[in-house]
PDB file of N, CA and C in Angstrom:
ATOM      1  N   MET A   1      48.658   9.106   6.552  1.00  0.00           N
ATOM      2  CA  MET A   1      48.458  10.325   6.738  1.00  0.00           C
ATOM      3  C   MET A   1      48.478  11.566   6.024  1.00  0.00           C
ATOM      4  N   ASP A   2      47.258  12.176   6.230  1.00  0.00           N
ATOM      5  CA  ASP A   2      47.095  13.688   4.954  1.00  0.00           C
ATOM      6  C   ASP A   2      47.625  14.422   5.447  1.00  0.00           C
ATOM      7  N   PHE A   3      48.997  14.702   4.673  1.00  0.00           N
ATOM      8  CA  PHE A   3      49.728  16.023   4.882  1.00  0.00           C
ATOM      9  C   PHE A   3      49.283  17.426   4.375  1.00  0.00           C
ATOM     10  N   GLN A   4      47.985  16.912   3.471  1.00  0.00           N
ATOM     11  CA  GLN A   4      47.333  18.202   2.701  1.00  0.00           C
ATOM     12  C   GLN A   4      46.547  18.987   4.007  1.00  0.00           C
ATOM     13  N   ASP A   5      45.887  18.022   4.265  1.00  0.00           N
ATOM     14  CA  ASP A   5      45.039  18.203   5.666  1.00  0.00           C
ATOM     15  C   ASP A   5      45.647  18.851   7.208  1.00  0.00           C
ATOM     16  N   ILE A   6      46.498  18.404   7.475  1.00  0.00           N
ATOM     17  CA  ILE A   6      47.023  18.500   8.565  1.00  0.00           C
ATOM     18  C   ILE A   6      47.886  19.910   8.787  1.00  0.00           C
ATOM     19  N   ILE A   7      48.915  20.006   7.406  1.00  0.00           N
ATOM     20  CA  ILE A   7      49.702  20.850   7.860  1.00  0.00           C
ATOM     21  C   ILE A   7      48.665  22.472   7.357  1.00  0.00           C
ATOM     22  N   PRO A   8      47.428  22.710   7.126  1.00  0.00           N
ATOM     23  CA  PRO A   8      46.771  23.898   6.837  1.00  0.00           C
ATOM     24  C   PRO A   8      46.303  23.956   8.477  1.00  0.00           C
ATOM     25  N   LYS A   9      46.012  22.849   8.955  1.00  0.00           N
ATOM     26  CA  LYS A   9      45.419  23.333  10.672  1.00  0.00           C
ATOM     27  C   LYS A   9      46.659  23.677  11.248  1.00  0.00           C
ATOM     28  N   LEU A  10      47.866  23.448  11.076  1.00  0.00           N
ATOM     29  CA  LEU A  10      49.347  24.051  12.202  1.00  0.00           C
ATOM     30  C   LEU A  10      49.182  25.042  11.545  1.00  0.00           C
ATOM     31  N   TYR A  11      49.293  26.014  10.458  1.00  0.00           N
ATOM     32  CA  TYR A  11      49.499  27.257   9.924  1.00  0.00           C
ATOM     33  C   TYR A  11      48.239  27.880  10.872  1.00  0.00           C
ATOM     34  N   LYS A  12      47.204  27.636  10.560  1.00  0.00           N
ATOM     35  CA  LYS A  12      46.184  28.586  10.870  1.00  0.00           C
ATOM     36  C   LYS A  12      45.921  28.275  12.400  1.00  0.00           C
ATOM     37  N   ALA A  13      46.432  27.518  13.438  1.00  0.00           N
ATOM     38  CA  ALA A  13      46.122  27.447  15.069  1.00  0.00           C
ATOM     39  C   ALA A  13      47.807  28.421  15.224  1.00  0.00           C
ATOM     40  N   PHE A  14      48.836  28.322  14.195  1.00  0.00           N
ATOM     41  CA  PHE A  14      49.750  29.451  14.866  1.00  0.00           C
ATOM     42  C   PHE A  14      49.173  30.879  14.923  1.00  0.00           C
ATOM     43  N   ASN A  15      48.538  30.850  13.600  1.00  0.00           N
ATOM     44  CA  ASN A  15      48.383  32.354  13.070  1.00  0.00           C
ATOM     45  C   ASN A  15      47.535  32.710  14.164  1.00  0.00           C
ATOM     46  N   GLN A  16      46.583  31.838  14.912  1.00  0.00           N
ATOM     47  CA  GLN A  16      45.759  32.480  15.918  1.00  0.00           C
ATOM     48  C   GLN A  16      46.163  32.318  17.069  1.00  0.00           C
ATOM     49  N   ARG A  17      47.547  31.717  17.043  1.00  0.00           N
ATOM     50  CA  ARG A  17      48.229  31.636  18.683  1.00  0.00           C
ATOM     51  C   ARG A  17      47.710  31.093  19.645  1.00  0.00           C
ATOM     52  N   ASN A  18      47.367  29.806  19.044  1.00  0.00           N
ATOM     53  CA  ASN A  18      46.922  28.522  19.539  1.00  0.00           C
ATOM     54  C   ASN A  18      47.721  27.607  19.695  1.00  0.00           C
ATOM     55  N   ILE A  19      48.396  28.151  20.700  1.00  0.00           N
ATOM     56  CA  ILE A  19      50.007  26.806  21.059  1.00  0.00           C
ATOM     57  C   ILE A  19      49.335  25.695  21.193  1.00  0.00           C
ATOM     58  N   ASP A  20      48.540  25.281  21.840  1.00  0.00           N
ATOM     59  CA  ASP A  20      48.239  23.735  22.126  1.00  0.00           C
ATOM     60  C   ASP A  20      47.328  23.157  20.540  1.00  0.00           C
ATOM     61  N   GLY A  21      46.875  24.172  20.085  1.00  0.00           N
ATOM     62  CA  GLY A  21      46.174  23.583  18.822  1.00  0.00           C
ATOM     63  C   GLY A  21      47.492  23.142  17.712  1.00  0.00           C
ATOM     64  N   VAL A  22      48.381  23.648  18.240  1.00  0.00           N
ATOM     65  CA  VAL A  22      49.792  23.279  17.118  1.00  0.00           C
ATOM     66  C   VAL A  22      50.356  21.971  17.720  1.00  0.00           C
ATOM     67  N   LEU A  23      50.709  22.218  19.168  1.00  0.00           N
ATOM     68  CA  LEU A  23      51.645  21.060  20.135  1.00  0.00           C
ATOM     69  C   LEU A  23      50.788  19.478  19.674  1.00  0.00           C
ATOM     70  N   ALA A  24      49.110  19.857  19.637  1.00  0.00           N
ATOM     71  CA  ALA A  24      48.380  18.486  19.608  1.00  0.00           C
ATOM     72  C   ALA A  24      49.318  17.418  18.178  1.00  0.00           C
ATOM     73  N   HIS A  25      49.967  18.327  16.942  1.00  0.00           N
ATOM     74  CA  HIS A  25      50.500  17.417  16.232  1.00  0.00           C
ATOM     75  C   HIS A  25      51.888  17.311  16.483  1.00  0.00           C
ATOM     76  N   PHE A  26      52.496  17.872  17.372  1.00  0.00           N
ATOM     77  CA  PHE A  26      53.907  17.594  17.721  1.00  0.00           C
ATOM     78  C   PHE A  26      54.510  16.312  18.533  1.00  0.00           C
ATOM     79  N   HIS A  27      55.536  15.798  18.145  1.00  0.00           N
ATOM     80  CA  HIS A  27      55.999  14.904  18.968  1.00  0.00           C
ATOM     81  C   HIS A  27      56.672  15.406  20.410  1.00  0.00           C
ATOM     82  N   LEU A  28      56.343  14.725  21.292  1.00  0.00           N
ATOM     83  CA  LEU A  28      56.882  15.489  22.889  1.00  0.00           C
ATOM     84  C   LEU A  28      58.498  15.614  22.740  1.00  0.00           C
ATOM     85  N   ASP A  29      59.310  15.100  21.711  1.00  0.00           N
ATOM     86  CA  ASP A  29      60.926  15.164  21.254  1.00  0.00           C
ATOM     87  C   ASP A  29      60.752  16.107  20.086  1.00  0.00           C
ATOM     88  N   VAL A  30      59.796  16.934  20.283  1.00  0.00           N
ATOM     89  CA  VAL A  30      59.830  17.644  18.645  1.00  0.00           C
ATOM     90  C   VAL A  30      61.439  18.579  18.898  1.00  0.00           C
ATOM     91  N   GLN A  31      61.849  19.304  17.220  1.00  0.00           N
ATOM     92  CA  GLN A  31      62.856  19.591  17.402  1.00  0.00           C
ATOM     93  C   GLN A  31      62.547  20.801  16.496  1.00  0.00           C
ATOM     94  N   TRP A  32      62.954  22.031  16.804  1.00  0.00           N
ATOM     95  CA  TRP A  32      62.006  23.346  16.211  1.00  0.00           C
ATOM     96  C   TRP A  32      63.019  24.438  16.089  1.00  0.00           C
ATOM     97  N   PRO A  33      63.031  24.761  14.494  1.00  0.00           N
ATOM     98  CA  PRO A  33      63.883  25.967  14.432  1.00  0.00           C
ATOM     99  C   PRO A  33      63.232  27.279  15.403  1.00  0.00           C
ATOM    100  N   ASN A  34      64.697  27.874  15.575  1.00  0.00           N
ATOM    101  CA  ASN A  34      63.892  29.163  16.221  1.00  0.00           C
ATOM    102  C   ASN A  34      64.568  30.484  15.240  1.00  0.00           C
ATOM    103  N   GLY A  35      63.665  30.816  14.572  1.00  0.00           N
ATOM    104  CA  GLY A  35      63.825  31.352  12.961  1.00  0.00           C
ATOM    105  C   GLY A  35      64.153  32.767  13.674  1.00  0.00           C
ATOM    106  N   TRP A  36      63.509  33.297  14.428  1.00  0.00           N
ATOM    107  CA  TRP A  36      63.476  34.702  15.422  1.00  0.00           C
ATOM    108  C   TRP A  36      65.261  34.619  15.917  1.00  0.00           C
ATOM    109  N   GLU A  37      65.757  33.944  16.784  1.00  0.00           N
ATOM    110  CA  GLU A  37      66.591  34.181  17.478  1.00  0.00           C
ATOM    111  C   GLU A  37      68.095  33.040  17.208  1.00  0.00           C
ATOM    112  N   GLY A  38      67.735  32.477  16.613  1.00  0.00           N
ATOM    113  CA  GLY A  38      68.636  31.152  15.966  1.00  0.00           C
ATOM    114  C   GLY A  38      68.746  30.021  16.641  1.00  0.00           C
ATOM    115  N   GLY A  39      69.020  29.033  16.180  1.00  0.00           N
ATOM    116  CA  GLY A  39      69.523  27.815  16.578  1.00  0.00           C
ATOM    117  C   GLY A  39      68.204  26.700  16.861  1.00  0.00           C
ATOM    118  N   TYR A  40      67.986  26.131  17.587  1.00  0.00           N
ATOM    119  CA  TYR A  40      66.636  25.248  17.889  1.00  0.00           C
ATOM    120  C   TYR A  40      66.047  24.984  19.234  1.00  0.00           C
ATOM    121  N   VAL A  41      64.871  24.819  19.557  1.00  0.00           N
ATOM    122  CA  VAL A  41      64.286  24.406  20.484  1.00  0.00           C
ATOM    123  C   VAL A  41      63.631  22.974  20.567  1.00  0.00           C
ATOM    124  N   PHE A  42      63.629  22.770  21.785  1.00  0.00           N
ATOM    125  CA  PHE A  42      63.045  21.146  22.216  1.00  0.00           C
ATOM    126  C   PHE A  42      61.922  20.712  23.147  1.00  0.00           C
ATOM    127  N   GLY A  43      61.127  20.023  22.532  1.00  0.00           N
ATOM    128  CA  GLY A  43      59.874  19.553  23.222  1.00  0.00           C
ATOM    129  C   GLY A  43      58.745  20.829  23.292  1.00  0.00           C
ATOM    130  N   HIS A  44      57.790  20.021  23.730  1.00  0.00           N
ATOM    131  CA  HIS A  44      56.715  21.349  24.064  1.00  0.00           C
ATOM    132  C   HIS A  44      56.911  22.410  24.598  1.00  0.00           C
ATOM    133  N   ASN A  45      57.709  22.095  25.762  1.00  0.00           N
ATOM    134  CA  ASN A  45      57.756  23.358  26.696  1.00  0.00           C
ATOM    135  C   ASN A  45      58.753  24.640  26.102  1.00  0.00           C
ATOM    136  N   GLY A  46      59.409  23.935  25.317  1.00  0.00           N
ATOM    137  CA  GLY A  46      60.454  24.717  24.300  1.00  0.00           C
ATOM    138  C   GLY A  46      59.848  25.721  23.382  1.00  0.00           C
ATOM    139  N   VAL A  47      59.175  24.886  22.551  1.00  0.00           N
ATOM    140  CA  VAL A  47      58.174  25.472  21.531  1.00  0.00           C
ATOM    141  C   VAL A  47      57.687  26.689  22.405  1.00  0.00           C
ATOM    142  N   ARG A  48      56.733  25.588  23.480  1.00  0.00           N
ATOM    143  CA  ARG A  48      55.861  26.675  24.102  1.00  0.00           C
ATOM    144  C   ARG A  48      56.440  28.184  24.524  1.00  0.00           C
ATOM    145  N   ASP A  49      57.610  28.413  25.304  1.00  0.00           N
ATOM    146  CA  ASP A  49      58.539  29.057  25.642  1.00  0.00           C
ATOM    147  C   ASP A  49      58.794  30.055  24.781  1.00  0.00           C
ATOM    148  N   TYR A  50      59.458  29.549  23.360  1.00  0.00           N
ATOM    149  CA  TYR A  50      59.514  30.136  22.526  1.00  0.00           C
ATOM    150  C   TYR A  50      58.934  31.081  21.770  1.00  0.00           C
ATOM    151  N   TRP A  51      57.682  30.380  21.677  1.00  0.00           N
ATOM    152  CA  TRP A  51      56.616  31.430  20.665  1.00  0.00           C
ATOM    153  C   TRP A  51      55.856  32.565  21.876  1.00  0.00           C
ATOM    154  N   THR A  52      56.086  31.817  22.977  1.00  0.00           N
ATOM    155  CA  THR A  52      55.501  33.218  24.101  1.00  0.00           C
ATOM    156  C   THR A  52      56.550  34.087  24.363  1.00  0.00           C
ATOM    157  N   ARG A  53      57.999  34.035  23.932  1.00  0.00           N
ATOM    158  CA  ARG A  53      58.756  35.147  23.708  1.00  0.00           C
ATOM    159  C   ARG A  53      58.713  35.755  22.346  1.00  0.00           C
ATOM    160  N   GLN A  54      58.543  35.003  21.373  1.00  0.00           N
ATOM    161  CA  GLN A  54      58.455  35.469  20.127  1.00  0.00           C
ATOM    162  C   GLN A  54      56.871  36.670  19.956  1.00  0.00           C
ATOM    163  N   TRP A  55      55.802  35.979  20.186  1.00  0.00           N
ATOM    164  CA  TRP A  55      55.081  37.097  20.214  1.00  0.00           C
ATOM    165  C   TRP A  55      54.716  38.135  21.020  1.00  0.00           C
ATOM    166  N   SER A  56      55.504  38.435  22.200  1.00  0.00           N
ATOM    167  CA  SER A  56      55.779  39.274  23.322  1.00  0.00           C
ATOM    168  C   SER A  56      56.228  40.003  22.210  1.00  0.00           C
ATOM    169  N   GLU A  57      56.948  39.989  21.523  1.00  0.00           N
ATOM    170  CA  GLU A  57      58.059  40.797  20.477  1.00  0.00           C
ATOM    171  C   GLU A  57      57.542  40.994  18.817  1.00  0.00           C
ATOM    172  N   ILE A  58      57.352  40.569  18.570  1.00  0.00           N
ATOM    173  CA  ILE A  58      57.021  40.399  17.108  1.00  0.00           C
ATOM    174  C   ILE A  58      55.492  39.745  16.709  1.00  0.00           C
ATOM    175  N   ASP A  59      55.042  39.896  15.678  1.00  0.00           N
ATOM    176  CA  ASP A  59      53.780  39.568  15.129  1.00  0.00           C
ATOM    177  C   ASP A  59      53.856  38.635  13.919  1.00  0.00           C
ATOM    178  N   PRO A  60      53.968  37.381  14.052  1.00  0.00           N
ATOM    179  CA  PRO A  60      54.055  36.866  12.515  1.00  0.00           C
ATOM    180  C   PRO A  60      53.030  36.246  11.914  1.00  0.00           C
ATOM    181  N   HIS A  61      53.269  36.105  10.600  1.00  0.00           N
ATOM    182  CA  HIS A  61      51.851  35.204  10.005  1.00  0.00           C
ATOM    183  C   HIS A  61      52.533  34.886   8.844  1.00  0.00           C
ATOM    184  N   VAL A  62      52.210  33.187   9.122  1.00  0.00           N
ATOM    185  CA  VAL A  62      52.572  32.559   7.988  1.00  0.00           C
ATOM    186  C   VAL A  62      51.091  31.698   7.425  1.00  0.00           C
ATOM    187  N   GLU A  63      51.619  31.623   6.191  1.00  0.00           N
ATOM    188  CA  GLU A  63      50.659  31.025   5.125  1.00  0.00           C
ATOM    189  C   GLU A  63      51.098  30.261   4.785  1.00  0.00           C
ATOM    190  N   PRO A  64      50.694  29.012   4.488  1.00  0.00           N
ATOM    191  CA  PRO A  64      51.257  27.722   3.424  1.00  0.00           C
ATOM    192  C   PRO A  64      50.677  27.983   2.163  1.00  0.00           C
ATOM    193  N   LEU A  65      51.487  28.093   1.184  1.00  0.00           N
ATOM    194  CA  LEU A  65      51.001  28.321  -0.318  1.00  0.00           C
ATOM    195  C   LEU A  65      51.165  27.313  -0.997  1.00  0.00           C
ATOM    196  N   HIS A  66      51.944  25.959  -0.998  1.00  0.00           N
ATOM    197  CA  HIS A  66      52.463  24.450  -1.620  1.00  0.00           C
ATOM    198  C   HIS A  66      52.994  23.374  -0.674  1.00  0.00           C
ATOM    199  N   ILE A  67      52.439  22.380  -0.700  1.00  0.00           N
ATOM    200  CA  ILE A  67      52.574  21.281   0.402  1.00  0.00           C
ATOM    201  C   ILE A  67      53.354  20.213  -0.847  1.00  0.00           C
ATOM    202  N   ALA A  68      53.900  19.547  -0.664  1.00  0.00           N
ATOM    203  CA  ALA A  68      54.390  18.717  -1.460  1.00  0.00           C
ATOM    204  C   ALA A  68      55.601  17.161  -0.408  1.00  0.00           C
ATOM    205  N   GLU A  69      55.046  15.726  -0.960  1.00  0.00           N
ATOM    206  CA  GLU A  69      56.020  15.168  -0.140  1.00  0.00           C
ATOM    207  C   GLU A  69      57.085  15.071  -0.909  1.00  0.00           C
ATOM    208  N   LEU A  70      58.317  15.255  -0.223  1.00  0.00           N
ATOM    209  CA  LEU A  70      59.620  14.797  -0.966  1.00  0.00           C
ATOM    210  C   LEU A  70      60.038  13.340  -1.022  1.00  0.00           C
ATOM    211  N   PRO A  71      60.600  12.793  -1.908  1.00  0.00           N
ATOM    212  CA  PRO A  71      60.934  11.495  -2.383  1.00  0.00           C
ATOM    213  C   PRO A  71      61.530  10.887  -0.419  1.00  0.00           C
ATOM    214  N   ASP A  72      62.175  11.288   0.058  1.00  0.00           N
ATOM    215  CA  ASP A  72      62.757  11.056   1.435  1.00  0.00           C
ATOM    216  C   ASP A  72      61.647  10.861   2.271  1.00  0.00           C
ATOM    217  N   GLY A  73      60.435  11.063   2.015  1.00  0.00           N
ATOM    218  CA  GLY A  73      59.501  11.050   2.901  1.00  0.00           C
ATOM    219  C   GLY A  73      59.096  12.638   3.635  1.00  0.00           C
ATOM    220  N   ARG A  74      59.705  13.485   3.676  1.00  0.00           N
ATOM    221  CA  ARG A  74      59.453  14.728   4.434  1.00  0.00           C
ATOM    222  C   ARG A  74      58.601  15.195   3.810  1.00  0.00           C
ATOM    223  N   VAL A  75      58.207  16.510   3.922  1.00  0.00           N
ATOM    224  CA  VAL A  75      57.168  17.379   3.805  1.00  0.00           C
ATOM    225  C   VAL A  75      57.452  18.818   3.574  1.00  0.00           C
ATOM    226  N   ALA A  76      57.720  19.077   1.990  1.00  0.00           N
ATOM    227  CA  ALA A  76      58.058  20.517   2.095  1.00  0.00           C
ATOM    228  C   ALA A  76      56.874  21.175   1.986  1.00  0.00           C
ATOM    229  N   VAL A  77      56.350  22.621   2.756  1.00  0.00           N
ATOM    230  CA  VAL A  77      55.639  23.531   2.652  1.00  0.00           C
ATOM    231  C   VAL A  77      56.339  24.750   2.183  1.00  0.00           C
ATOM    232  N   ASP A  78      55.931  25.312   1.223  1.00  0.00           N
ATOM    233  CA  ASP A  78      56.490  26.614   0.307  1.00  0.00           C
ATOM    234  C   ASP A  78      55.584  27.624   1.413  1.00  0.00           C
ATOM    235  N   VAL A  79      56.001  28.432   2.165  1.00  0.00           N
ATOM    236  CA  VAL A  79      54.882  29.541   2.649  1.00  0.00           C
ATOM    237  C   VAL A  79      55.525  31.120   2.538  1.00  0.00           C
ATOM    238  N   HIS A  80      54.185  31.899   2.862  1.00  0.00           N
ATOM    239  CA  HIS A  80      54.738  33.067   2.594  1.00  0.00           C
ATOM    240  C   HIS A  80      54.926  33.440   3.925  1.00  0.00           C
ATOM    241  N   ALA A  81      55.363  34.340   4.746  1.00  0.00           N
ATOM    242  CA  ALA A  81      55.673  34.742   6.111  1.00  0.00           C
ATOM    243  C   ALA A  81      55.865  36.369   5.850  1.00  0.00           C
ATOM    244  N   VAL A  82      54.924  36.840   6.951  1.00  0.00           N
ATOM    245  CA  VAL A  82      55.313  38.157   7.212  1.00  0.00           C
ATOM    246  C   VAL A  82      55.402  38.615   8.695  1.00  0.00           C
ATOM    247  N   ALA A  83      56.210  39.585   9.215  1.00  0.00           N
ATOM    248  CA  ALA A  83      56.303  39.500  10.249  1.00  0.00           C
ATOM    249  C   ALA A  83      56.349  41.083  10.722  1.00  0.00           C
ATOM    250  N   LYS A  84      55.739  41.610  11.464  1.00  0.00           N
ATOM    251  CA  LYS A  84      55.483  43.302  12.152  1.00  0.00           C
ATOM    252  C   LYS A  84      56.022  43.154  13.694  1.00  0.00           C
ATOM    253  N   ASP A  85      56.742  44.182  13.588  1.00  0.00           N
ATOM    254  CA  ASP A  85      56.750  44.929  15.255  1.00  0.00           C
ATOM    255  C   ASP A  85      55.627  45.008  15.875  1.00  0.00           C
ATOM    256  N   MET A  86      55.546  45.208  17.529  1.00  0.00           N
ATOM    257  CA  MET A  86      54.463  45.525  18.168  1.00  0.00           C
ATOM    258  C   MET A  86      53.630  46.593  17.563  1.00  0.00           C
ATOM    259  N   ASP A  87      54.545  47.582  16.944  1.00  0.00           N
ATOM    260  CA  ASP A  87      53.686  48.766  16.274  1.00  0.00           C
ATOM    261  C   ASP A  87      53.266  49.040  15.251  1.00  0.00           C
ATOM    262  N   GLY A  88      53.376  47.912  14.657  1.00  0.00           N
ATOM    263  CA  GLY A  88      52.828  47.270  13.111  1.00  0.00           C
ATOM    264  C   GLY A  88      53.794  47.670  12.376  1.00  0.00           C
ATOM    265  N   ASN A  89      54.819  47.950  12.262  1.00  0.00           N
ATOM    266  CA  ASN A  89      56.051  48.191  11.501  1.00  0.00           C
ATOM    267  C   ASN A  89      56.376  46.927  10.760  1.00  0.00           C
ATOM    268  N   LEU A  90      56.205  47.055   9.480  1.00  0.00           N
ATOM    269  CA  LEU A  90      56.698  45.461   8.809  1.00  0.00           C
ATOM    270  C   LEU A  90      58.678  45.271   9.097  1.00  0.00           C
ATOM    271  N   LEU A  91      58.925  44.099   9.452  1.00  0.00           N
ATOM    272  CA  LEU A  91      60.130  43.558   9.741  1.00  0.00           C
ATOM    273  C   LEU A  91      60.498  42.739   8.490  1.00  0.00           C
ATOM    274  N   PHE A  92      59.824  41.941   8.007  1.00  0.00           N
ATOM    275  CA  PHE A  92      60.110  41.076   6.899  1.00  0.00           C
ATOM    276  C   PHE A  92      58.773  40.561   6.349  1.00  0.00           C
ATOM    277  N   ASP A  93      58.927  40.356   4.903  1.00  0.00           N
ATOM    278  CA  ASP A  93      57.675  39.939   4.004  1.00  0.00           C
ATOM    279  C   ASP A  93      58.729  38.778   2.946  1.00  0.00           C
ATOM    280  N   SER A  94      58.374  37.856   3.516  1.00  0.00           N
ATOM    281  CA  SER A  94      59.346  36.790   2.141  1.00  0.00           C
ATOM    282  C   SER A  94      58.414  35.282   2.114  1.00  0.00           C
ATOM    283  N   GLN A  95      59.049  34.693   0.860  1.00  0.00           N
ATOM    284  CA  GLN A  95      58.720  33.142   1.077  1.00  0.00           C
ATOM    285  C   GLN A  95      59.933  32.594   1.101  1.00  0.00           C
ATOM    286  N   MET A  96      59.415  31.272   2.100  1.00  0.00           N
ATOM    287  CA  MET A  96      60.445  30.473   2.598  1.00  0.00           C
ATOM    288  C   MET A  96      59.896  28.994   2.456  1.00  0.00           C
ATOM    289  N   ARG A  97      60.548  28.171   2.838  1.00  0.00           N
ATOM    290  CA  ARG A  97      60.264  26.807   2.732  1.00  0.00           C
ATOM    291  C   ARG A  97      60.429  26.075   3.912  1.00  0.00           C
ATOM    292  N   HIS A  98      59.466  25.492   4.527  1.00  0.00           N
ATOM    293  CA  HIS A  98      59.751  24.684   5.441  1.00  0.00           C
ATOM    294  C   HIS A  98      59.175  23.254   5.305  1.00  0.00           C
ATOM    295  N   ILE A  99      60.858  22.457   6.179  1.00  0.00           N
ATOM    296  CA  ILE A  99      60.712  21.133   5.598  1.00  0.00           C
ATOM    297  C   ILE A  99      60.238  20.002   6.998  1.00  0.00           C
ATOM    298  N   TYR A 100      59.319  19.661   7.131  1.00  0.00           N
ATOM    299  CA  TYR A 100      58.806  18.623   8.289  1.00  0.00           C
ATOM    300  C   TYR A 100      59.317  17.482   8.102  1.00  0.00           C
ATOM    301  N   THR A 101      59.698  17.063   9.197  1.00  0.00           N
ATOM    302  CA  THR A 101      59.807  15.215   9.585  1.00  0.00           C
ATOM    303  C   THR A 101      58.705  15.102  10.394  1.00  0.00           C
ATOM    304  N   PHE A 102      58.122  13.582   9.951  1.00  0.00           N
ATOM    305  CA  PHE A 102      57.015  12.943  10.482  1.00  0.00           C
ATOM    306  C   PHE A 102      57.282  11.770  11.140  1.00  0.00           C
ATOM    307  N   GLU A 103      56.710  11.596  12.596  1.00  0.00           N
ATOM    308  CA  GLU A 103      57.470  10.261  13.548  1.00  0.00           C
ATOM    309  C   GLU A 103      56.423   9.682  14.145  1.00  0.00           C
ATOM    310  N   ASP A 104      55.359   8.791  13.421  1.00  0.00           N
ATOM    311  CA  ASP A 104      54.347   8.378  14.202  1.00  0.00           C
ATOM    312  C   ASP A 104      53.242   9.125  14.212  1.00  0.00           C
ATOM    313  N   GLY A 105      53.029   9.952  13.015  1.00  0.00           N
ATOM    314  CA  GLY A 105      52.042  10.709  12.522  1.00  0.00           C
ATOM    315  C   GLY A 105      51.867  11.958  13.057  1.00  0.00           C
ATOM    316  N   MET A 106      53.313  12.559  13.840  1.00  0.00           N
ATOM    317  CA  MET A 106      53.514  13.828  14.444  1.00  0.00           C
ATOM    318  C   MET A 106      54.708  14.165  13.818  1.00  0.00           C
ATOM    319  N   VAL A 107      54.567  15.673  14.339  1.00  0.00           N
ATOM    320  CA  VAL A 107      55.828  16.839  13.399  1.00  0.00           C
ATOM    321  C   VAL A 107      56.857  16.254  14.724  1.00  0.00           C
ATOM    322  N   ARG A 108      58.084  15.691  13.973  1.00  0.00           N
ATOM    323  CA  ARG A 108      59.060  15.452  14.722  1.00  0.00           C
ATOM    324  C   ARG A 108      60.270  16.260  14.875  1.00  0.00           C
ATOM    325  N   THR A 109      60.208  16.891  13.290  1.00  0.00           N
ATOM    326  CA  THR A 109      61.270  18.053  13.175  1.00  0.00           C
ATOM    327  C   THR A 109      60.833  19.006  12.204  1.00  0.00           C
ATOM    328  N   MET A 110      61.274  20.449  12.200  1.00  0.00           N
ATOM    329  CA  MET A 110      61.090  21.134  11.116  1.00  0.00           C
ATOM    330  C   MET A 110      62.230  22.217  10.757  1.00  0.00           C
ATOM    331  N   GLU A 111      62.973  22.261   9.485  1.00  0.00           N
ATOM    332  CA  GLU A 111      63.575  23.035   9.091  1.00  0.00           C
ATOM    333  C   GLU A 111      63.099  23.841   8.174  1.00  0.00           C
ATOM    334  N   ILE A 112      64.088  25.426   8.196  1.00  0.00           N
ATOM    335  CA  ILE A 112      63.845  26.546   7.296  1.00  0.00           C
ATOM    336  C   ILE A 112      64.714  26.596   6.340  1.00  0.00           C
ATOM    337  N   GLU A 113      64.142  26.654   4.966  1.00  0.00           N
ATOM    338  CA  GLU A 113      64.682  26.859   4.213  1.00  0.00           C
ATOM    339  C   GLU A 113      64.868  28.045   3.580  1.00  0.00           C
ATOM    340  N   LYS A 114      65.460  28.980   3.511  1.00  0.00           N
ATOM    341  CA  LYS A 114      65.573  30.072   2.507  1.00  0.00           C
ATOM    342  C   LYS A 114      65.205  30.034   0.776  1.00  0.00           C
ATOM    343  N   GLN A 115      64.244  30.679   0.356  1.00  0.00           N
ATOM    344  CA  GLN A 115      64.031  30.678  -1.131  1.00  0.00           C
ATOM    345  C   GLN A 115      64.674  31.968  -1.893  1.00  0.00           C
TER     346      GLN A 115
END
C-alpha cells in the first residue's frame, strides 16, 4: 500500500468537503476521533453525520506536512490544521499528529496527538 499516495488524497477530499471521496478509503467499521466535540464516531454513517454537523458550524482545513510509517505499522501524519467559524474568525491554527491504522488497505482507526 502506498501511504504517500493515499494520505494526501484523504486530506484533499476532506478539504473539498467530499465525504464520499474520503469514505471510499475507510473501513466500514472505522473508528474516527471527534476532535470537535470529543470522543469517537464509528462507521461510515457516524463519520458522515459528524462531518456534516461540524461543517455546518466551523470551517476546518487540514494539510499534511509529513507522512511516515511507524515501526508498529501505523502511519503518522504531521498536519497543519486551521479552523474558522462561519463568519471567518480564526478558532485555531496549530500543528498536530494524526496516527492511522490500516486494515485490508482501508483506514481502520485514526487518533489525534497534540504536539
